[in-house]
Amino acid sequence: MFAVGIFGQAVFYLQGIEIFRNQSAKDVSLFGFSFGLISVTSWLIYGVVIKNHVLIAANAIAVIGAIFVVIGILIYG
């Protein structure tokens, strides 16, 4: 589950890389990725509350990736 949880968050990093490489976020939804950021942040908090290391690791990685995308959208959107 640890590997699946971490690799499942790759979508944020792949999108962020595309935004920064193309210097464009023309067709990327700030609204959608903002909700994604809220979602993974909620899961991270839940993981901390229940002290589940898999949830904490996977969602900490996801939060960083989601922030990466949102910053890219704000810069290049």
PDB file of N, CA and C in Angstrom:
ATOM      1  N   MET A   1       0.819  -1.198   0.000  1.00  0.00           N
ATOM      2  CA  MET A   1       0.000   0.000   0.000  1.00  0.00           C
ATOM      3  C   MET A   1       0.859   1.257   0.000  1.00  0.00           C
ATOM      4  N   PHE A   2       2.008   1.181   0.649  1.00  0.00           N
ATOM      5  CA  PHE A   2       2.884   2.347   0.711  1.00  0.00           C
ATOM      6  C   PHE A   2       3.300   2.783  -0.694  1.00  0.00           C
ATOM      7  N   ALA A   3       3.753   1.840  -1.509  1.00  0.00           N
ATOM      8  CA  ALA A   3       4.193   2.157  -2.878  1.00  0.00           C
ATOM      9  C   ALA A   3       3.030   2.649  -3.724  1.00  0.00           C
ATOM     10  N   VAL A   4       1.889   2.002  -3.617  1.00  0.00           N
ATOM     11  CA  VAL A   4       0.714   2.422  -4.383  1.00  0.00           C
ATOM     12  C   VAL A   4       0.286   3.820  -3.966  1.00  0.00           C
ATOM     13  N   GLY A   5       0.292   4.087  -2.669  1.00  0.00           N
ATOM     14  CA  GLY A   5      -0.085   5.405  -2.173  1.00  0.00           C
ATOM     15  C   GLY A   5       0.819   6.499  -2.685  1.00  0.00           C
ATOM     16  N   ILE A   6       2.093   6.224  -2.737  1.00  0.00           N
ATOM     17  CA  ILE A   6       3.040   7.231  -3.207  1.00  0.00           C
ATOM     18  C   ILE A   6       2.984   7.388  -4.721  1.00  0.00           C
ATOM     19  N   PHE A   7       3.007   6.286  -5.458  1.00  0.00           N
ATOM     20  CA  PHE A   7       2.980   6.392  -6.915  1.00  0.00           C
ATOM     21  C   PHE A   7       1.646   6.907  -7.434  1.00  0.00           C
ATOM     22  N   GLY A   8       0.599   6.706  -6.660  1.00  0.00           N
ATOM     23  CA  GLY A   8      -0.715   7.229  -7.046  1.00  0.00           C
ATOM     24  C   GLY A   8      -0.758   8.748  -7.060  1.00  0.00           C
ATOM     25  N   GLN A   9       0.162   9.360  -6.366  1.00  0.00           N
ATOM     26  CA  GLN A   9       0.205  10.827  -6.311  1.00  0.00           C
ATOM     27  C   GLN A   9       1.038  11.429  -7.435  1.00  0.00           C
ATOM     28  N   ALA A  10       1.572  10.598  -8.291  1.00  0.00           N
ATOM     29  CA  ALA A  10       2.427  11.068  -9.383  1.00  0.00           C
ATOM     30  C   ALA A  10       1.697  12.011 -10.325  1.00  0.00           C
ATOM     31  N   VAL A  11       0.375  11.931 -10.374  1.00  0.00           N
ATOM     32  CA  VAL A  11      -0.393  12.794 -11.272  1.00  0.00           C
ATOM     33  C   VAL A  11      -0.092  14.266 -11.015  1.00  0.00           C
ATOM     34  N   PHE A  12       0.075  14.644  -9.769  1.00  0.00           N
ATOM     35  CA  PHE A  12       0.371  16.045  -9.465  1.00  0.00           C
ATOM     36  C   PHE A  12       1.725  16.443 -10.045  1.00  0.00           C
ATOM     37  N   TYR A  13       2.718  15.590  -9.849  1.00  0.00           N
ATOM     38  CA  TYR A  13       4.064  15.910 -10.321  1.00  0.00           C
ATOM     39  C   TYR A  13       4.134  15.924 -11.849  1.00  0.00           C
ATOM     40  N   LEU A  14       3.472  14.983 -12.484  1.00  0.00           N
ATOM     41  CA  LEU A  14       3.470  14.948 -13.949  1.00  0.00           C
ATOM     42  C   LEU A  14       2.824  16.202 -14.519  1.00  0.00           C
ATOM     43  N   GLN A  15       1.708  16.629 -13.922  1.00  0.00           N
ATOM     44  CA  GLN A  15       1.044  17.839 -14.391  1.00  0.00           C
ATOM     45  C   GLN A  15       1.913  19.061 -14.134  1.00  0.00           C
ATOM     46  N   GLY A  16       2.517  19.132 -12.961  1.00  0.00           N
ATOM     47  CA  GLY A  16       3.386  20.263 -12.633  1.00  0.00           C
ATOM     48  C   GLY A  16       4.572  20.373 -13.570  1.00  0.00           C
ATOM     49  N   ILE A  17       5.178  19.246 -13.887  1.00  0.00           N
ATOM     50  CA  ILE A  17       6.311  19.239 -14.815  1.00  0.00           C
ATOM     51  C   ILE A  17       5.883  19.760 -16.179  1.00  0.00           C
ATOM     52  N   GLU A  18       4.728  19.342 -16.644  1.00  0.00           N
ATOM     53  CA  GLU A  18       4.227  19.826 -17.940  1.00  0.00           C
ATOM     54  C   GLU A  18       3.979  21.335 -17.912  1.00  0.00           C
ATOM     55  N   ILE A  19       3.413  21.826 -16.830  1.00  0.00           N
ATOM     56  CA  ILE A  19       3.144  23.266 -16.721  1.00  0.00           C
ATOM     57  C   ILE A  19       4.448  24.047 -16.798  1.00  0.00           C
ATOM     58  N   PHE A  20       5.428  23.647 -16.003  1.00  0.00           N
ATOM     59  CA  PHE A  20       6.683  24.400 -15.968  1.00  0.00           C
ATOM     60  C   PHE A  20       7.510  24.207 -17.235  1.00  0.00           C
ATOM     61  N   ARG A  21       7.448  23.027 -17.829  1.00  0.00           N
ATOM     62  CA  ARG A  21       8.208  22.794 -19.062  1.00  0.00           C
ATOM     63  C   ARG A  21       7.629  23.615 -20.214  1.00  0.00           C
ATOM     64  N   ASN A  22       6.315  23.653 -20.328  1.00  0.00           N
ATOM     65  CA  ASN A  22       5.658  24.395 -21.411  1.00  0.00           C
ATOM     66  C   ASN A  22       5.435  25.854 -21.068  1.00  0.00           C
ATOM     67  N   GLN A  23       5.649  26.206 -19.821  1.00  0.00           N
ATOM     68  CA  GLN A  23       5.383  27.553 -19.321  1.00  0.00           C
ATOM     69  C   GLN A  23       3.968  28.001 -19.669  1.00  0.00           C
ATOM     70  N   SER A  24       3.046  27.054 -19.485  1.00  0.00           N
ATOM     71  CA  SER A  24       1.640  27.331 -19.765  1.00  0.00           C
ATOM     72  C   SER A  24       0.764  26.409 -18.923  1.00  0.00           C
ATOM     73  N   ALA A  25      -0.292  27.010 -18.391  1.00  0.00           N
ATOM     74  CA  ALA A  25      -1.306  26.230 -17.672  1.00  0.00           C
ATOM     75  C   ALA A  25      -2.665  26.543 -18.267  1.00  0.00           C
ATOM     76  N   LYS A  26      -2.662  26.799 -19.560  1.00  0.00           N
ATOM     77  CA  LYS A  26      -3.851  27.252 -20.277  1.00  0.00           C
ATOM     78  C   LYS A  26      -5.062  26.342 -20.060  1.00  0.00           C
ATOM     79  N   ASP A  27      -4.885  25.054 -20.156  1.00  0.00           N
ATOM     80  CA  ASP A  27      -6.014  24.132 -20.069  1.00  0.00           C
ATOM     81  C   ASP A  27      -6.075  23.379 -18.742  1.00  0.00           C
ATOM     82  N   VAL A  28      -5.425  23.921 -17.709  1.00  0.00           N
ATOM     83  CA  VAL A  28      -5.394  23.263 -16.408  1.00  0.00           C
ATOM     84  C   VAL A  28      -6.293  24.033 -15.461  1.00  0.00           C
ATOM     85  N   SER A  29      -7.126  23.306 -14.742  1.00  0.00           N
ATOM     86  CA  SER A  29      -8.122  23.924 -13.878  1.00  0.00           C
ATOM     87  C   SER A  29      -7.562  24.251 -12.498  1.00  0.00           C
ATOM     88  N   LEU A  30      -7.489  25.551 -12.185  1.00  0.00           N
ATOM     89  CA  LEU A  30      -7.099  25.968 -10.839  1.00  0.00           C
ATOM     90  C   LEU A  30      -8.119  25.477  -9.827  1.00  0.00           C
ATOM     91  N   PHE A  31      -9.380  25.571 -10.181  1.00  0.00           N
ATOM     92  CA  PHE A  31     -10.467  25.119  -9.314  1.00  0.00           C
ATOM     93  C   PHE A  31     -10.306  23.630  -8.988  1.00  0.00           C
ATOM     94  N   GLY A  32     -10.082  22.812  -9.989  1.00  0.00           N
ATOM     95  CA  GLY A  32      -9.946  21.373  -9.799  1.00  0.00           C
ATOM     96  C   GLY A  32      -8.731  21.000  -8.967  1.00  0.00           C
ATOM     97  N   PHE A  33      -7.586  21.596  -9.263  1.00  0.00           N
ATOM     98  CA  PHE A  33      -6.385  21.261  -8.509  1.00  0.00           C
ATOM     99  C   PHE A  33      -6.411  21.868  -7.108  1.00  0.00           C
ATOM    100  N   SER A  34      -7.126  22.967  -6.926  1.00  0.00           N
ATOM    101  CA  SER A  34      -7.288  23.519  -5.578  1.00  0.00           C
ATOM    102  C   SER A  34      -8.101  22.561  -4.717  1.00  0.00           C
ATOM    103  N   PHE A  35      -9.152  21.995  -5.283  1.00  0.00           N
ATOM    104  CA  PHE A  35      -9.934  20.996  -4.545  1.00  0.00           C
ATOM    105  C   PHE A  35      -9.110  19.734  -4.290  1.00  0.00           C
ATOM    106  N   GLY A  36      -8.273  19.369  -5.234  1.00  0.00           N
ATOM    107  CA  GLY A  36      -7.372  18.247  -5.016  1.00  0.00           C
ATOM    108  C   GLY A  36      -6.429  18.522  -3.855  1.00  0.00           C
ATOM    109  N   LEU A  37      -5.915  19.745  -3.782  1.00  0.00           N
ATOM    110  CA  LEU A  37      -5.040  20.141  -2.686  1.00  0.00           C
ATOM    111  C   LEU A  37      -5.780  20.069  -1.353  1.00  0.00           C
ATOM    112  N   ILE A  38      -7.005  20.549  -1.326  1.00  0.00           N
ATOM    113  CA  ILE A  38      -7.812  20.476  -0.101  1.00  0.00           C
ATOM    114  C   ILE A  38      -8.040  19.020   0.286  1.00  0.00           C
ATOM    115  N   SER A  39      -8.318  18.182  -0.680  1.00  0.00           N
ATOM    116  CA  SER A  39      -8.576  16.768  -0.416  1.00  0.00           C
ATOM    117  C   SER A  39      -7.363  16.068   0.186  1.00  0.00           C
ATOM    118  N   VAL A  40      -6.208  16.213  -0.451  1.00  0.00           N
ATOM    119  CA  VAL A  40      -5.031  15.515   0.058  1.00  0.00           C
ATOM    120  C   VAL A  40      -4.551  16.109   1.376  1.00  0.00           C
ATOM    121  N   THR A  41      -4.777  17.402   1.586  1.00  0.00           N
ATOM    122  CA  THR A  41      -4.448  18.015   2.871  1.00  0.00           C
ATOM    123  C   THR A  41      -5.326  17.431   3.969  1.00  0.00           C
ATOM    124  N   SER A  42      -6.604  17.232   3.664  1.00  0.00           N
ATOM    125  CA  SER A  42      -7.519  16.616   4.632  1.00  0.00           C
ATOM    126  C   SER A  42      -7.078  15.201   4.982  1.00  0.00           C
ATOM    127  N   TRP A  43      -6.680  14.439   3.984  1.00  0.00           N
ATOM    128  CA  TRP A  43      -6.203  13.081   4.233  1.00  0.00           C
ATOM    129  C   TRP A  43      -4.908  13.085   5.036  1.00  0.00           C
ATOM    130  N   LEU A  44      -4.043  14.059   4.775  1.00  0.00           N
ATOM    131  CA  LEU A  44      -2.803  14.173   5.534  1.00  0.00           C
ATOM    132  C   LEU A  44      -3.111  14.446   7.008  1.00  0.00           C
ATOM    133  N   ILE A  45      -4.006  15.367   7.256  1.00  0.00           N
ATOM    134  CA  ILE A  45      -4.398  15.682   8.637  1.00  0.00           C
ATOM    135  C   ILE A  45      -5.000  14.452   9.302  1.00  0.00           C
ATOM    136  N   TYR A  46      -5.860  13.745   8.591  1.00  0.00           N
ATOM    137  CA  TYR A  46      -6.461  12.523   9.133  1.00  0.00           C
ATOM    138  C   TYR A  46      -5.383  11.495   9.470  1.00  0.00           C
ATOM    139  N   GLY A  47      -4.419  11.330   8.586  1.00  0.00           N
ATOM    140  CA  GLY A  47      -3.326  10.393   8.835  1.00  0.00           C
ATOM    141  C   GLY A  47      -2.530  10.762  10.070  1.00  0.00           C
ATOM    142  N   VAL A  48      -2.309  12.063  10.270  1.00  0.00           N
ATOM    143  CA  VAL A  48      -1.593  12.519  11.462  1.00  0.00           C
ATOM    144  C   VAL A  48      -2.413  12.219  12.713  1.00  0.00           C
ATOM    145  N   VAL A  49      -3.721  12.495  12.642  1.00  0.00           N
ATOM    146  CA  VAL A  49      -4.596  12.275  13.800  1.00  0.00           C
ATOM    147  C   VAL A  49      -4.614  10.806  14.215  1.00  0.00           C
ATOM    148  N   ILE A  50      -4.703   9.905  13.227  1.00  0.00           N
ATOM    149  CA  ILE A  50      -4.769   8.479  13.573  1.00  0.00           C
ATOM    150  C   ILE A  50      -3.388   7.822  13.604  1.00  0.00           C
ATOM    151  N   LYS A  51      -2.359   8.612  13.340  1.00  0.00           N
ATOM    152  CA  LYS A  51      -0.960   8.145  13.373  1.00  0.00           C
ATOM    153  C   LYS A  51      -0.698   6.985  12.412  1.00  0.00           C
ATOM    154  N   ASN A  52      -1.194   7.148  11.187  1.00  0.00           N
ATOM    155  CA  ASN A  52      -1.005   6.138  10.154  1.00  0.00           C
ATOM    156  C   ASN A  52       0.125   6.606   9.234  1.00  0.00           C
ATOM    157  N   HIS A  53       1.253   5.936   9.301  1.00  0.00           N
ATOM    158  CA  HIS A  53       2.435   6.369   8.562  1.00  0.00           C
ATOM    159  C   HIS A  53       2.267   6.307   7.054  1.00  0.00           C
ATOM    160  N   VAL A  54       1.502   5.362   6.561  1.00  0.00           N
ATOM    161  CA  VAL A  54       1.271   5.268   5.112  1.00  0.00           C
ATOM    162  C   VAL A  54       0.463   6.465   4.633  1.00  0.00           C
ATOM    163  N   LEU A  55      -0.605   6.802   5.330  1.00  0.00           N
ATOM    164  CA  LEU A  55      -1.410   7.973   4.955  1.00  0.00           C
ATOM    165  C   LEU A  55      -0.588   9.252   5.043  1.00  0.00           C
ATOM    166  N   ILE A  56       0.209   9.362   6.083  1.00  0.00           N
ATOM    167  CA  ILE A  56       1.030  10.559   6.247  1.00  0.00           C
ATOM    168  C   ILE A  56       2.024  10.688   5.096  1.00  0.00           C
ATOM    169  N   ALA A  57       2.751   9.643   4.794  1.00  0.00           N
ATOM    170  CA  ALA A  57       3.773   9.702   3.734  1.00  0.00           C
ATOM    171  C   ALA A  57       3.152   9.969   2.373  1.00  0.00           C
ATOM    172  N   ALA A  58       2.135   9.206   2.019  1.00  0.00           N
ATOM    173  CA  ALA A  58       1.524   9.353   0.693  1.00  0.00           C
ATOM    174  C   ALA A  58       0.910  10.733   0.517  1.00  0.00           C
ATOM    175  N   ASN A  59       0.246  11.219   1.532  1.00  0.00           N
ATOM    176  CA  ASN A  59      -0.439  12.500   1.388  1.00  0.00           C
ATOM    177  C   ASN A  59       0.476  13.695   1.595  1.00  0.00           C
ATOM    178  N   ALA A  60       1.567  13.531   2.316  1.00  0.00           N
ATOM    179  CA  ALA A  60       2.563  14.606   2.389  1.00  0.00           C
ATOM    180  C   ALA A  60       3.172  14.809   1.002  1.00  0.00           C
ATOM    181  N   ILE A  61       3.471  13.715   0.329  1.00  0.00           N
ATOM    182  CA  ILE A  61       3.996  13.790  -1.038  1.00  0.00           C
ATOM    183  C   ILE A  61       2.951  14.415  -1.972  1.00  0.00           C
ATOM    184  N   ALA A  62       1.690  14.050  -1.781  1.00  0.00           N
ATOM    185  CA  ALA A  62       0.616  14.600  -2.614  1.00  0.00           C
ATOM    186  C   ALA A  62       0.423  16.091  -2.372  1.00  0.00           C
ATOM    187  N   VAL A  63       0.487  16.525  -1.122  1.00  0.00           N
ATOM    188  CA  VAL A  63       0.322  17.952  -0.813  1.00  0.00           C
ATOM    189  C   VAL A  63       1.418  18.768  -1.491  1.00  0.00           C
ATOM    190  N   ILE A  64       2.643  18.292  -1.421  1.00  0.00           N
ATOM    191  CA  ILE A  64       3.748  19.003  -2.077  1.00  0.00           C
ATOM    192  C   ILE A  64       3.515  19.075  -3.586  1.00  0.00           C
ATOM    193  N   GLY A  65       3.094  17.956  -4.177  1.00  0.00           N
ATOM    194  CA  GLY A  65       2.815  17.945  -5.616  1.00  0.00           C
ATOM    195  C   GLY A  65       1.668  18.853  -5.994  1.00  0.00           C
ATOM    196  N   ALA A  66       0.614  18.861  -5.196  1.00  0.00           N
ATOM    197  CA  ALA A  66      -0.543  19.718  -5.479  1.00  0.00           C
ATOM    198  C   ALA A  66      -0.169  21.191  -5.365  1.00  0.00           C
ATOM    199  N   ILE A  67       0.646  21.523  -4.375  1.00  0.00           N
ATOM    200  CA  ILE A  67       1.113  22.909  -4.248  1.00  0.00           C
ATOM    201  C   ILE A  67       1.954  23.288  -5.457  1.00  0.00           C
ATOM    202  N   PHE A  68       2.786  22.371  -5.916  1.00  0.00           N
ATOM    203  CA  PHE A  68       3.615  22.564  -7.112  1.00  0.00           C
ATOM    204  C   PHE A  68       2.726  22.920  -8.321  1.00  0.00           C
ATOM    205  N   VAL A  69       1.645  22.192  -8.499  1.00  0.00           N
ATOM    206  CA  VAL A  69       0.744  22.440  -9.624  1.00  0.00           C
ATOM    207  C   VAL A  69       0.021  23.777  -9.453  1.00  0.00           C
ATOM    208  N   VAL A  70      -0.502  24.030  -8.276  1.00  0.00           N
ATOM    209  CA  VAL A  70      -1.250  25.278  -8.045  1.00  0.00           C
ATOM    210  C   VAL A  70      -0.328  26.482  -8.269  1.00  0.00           C
ATOM    211  N   ILE A  71       0.890  26.408  -7.799  1.00  0.00           N
ATOM    212  CA  ILE A  71       1.837  27.515  -8.044  1.00  0.00           C
ATOM    213  C   ILE A  71       2.076  27.672  -9.546  1.00  0.00           C
ATOM    214  N   GLY A  72       2.257  26.569 -10.237  1.00  0.00           N
ATOM    215  CA  GLY A  72       2.437  26.637 -11.686  1.00  0.00           C
ATOM    216  C   GLY A  72       1.249  27.267 -12.387  1.00  0.00           C
ATOM    217  N   ILE A  73       0.041  26.927 -11.956  1.00  0.00           N
ATOM    218  CA  ILE A  73      -1.159  27.507 -12.554  1.00  0.00           C
ATOM    219  C   ILE A  73      -1.208  29.000 -12.275  1.00  0.00           C
ATOM    220  N   LEU A  74      -0.880  29.395 -11.054  1.00  0.00           N
ATOM    221  CA  LEU A  74      -0.910  30.819 -10.704  1.00  0.00           C
ATOM    222  C   LEU A  74       0.137  31.615 -11.479  1.00  0.00           C
ATOM    223  N   ILE A  75       1.283  30.999 -11.727  1.00  0.00           N
ATOM    224  CA  ILE A  75       2.334  31.692 -12.479  1.00  0.00           C
ATOM    225  C   ILE A  75       2.027  31.743 -13.970  1.00  0.00           C
ATOM    226  N   TYR A  76       1.639  30.596 -14.537  1.00  0.00           N
ATOM    227  CA  TYR A  76       1.502  30.500 -15.993  1.00  0.00           C
ATOM    228  C   TYR A  76       0.056  30.473 -16.491  1.00  0.00           C
ATOM    229  N   GLY A  77      -0.907  30.539 -15.588  1.00  0.00           N
ATOM    230  CA  GLY A  77      -2.306  30.470 -15.989  1.00  0.00           C
ATOM    231  C   GLY A  77      -2.747  31.730 -16.577  1.00  0.00           C
TER     232      GLY A  77
END
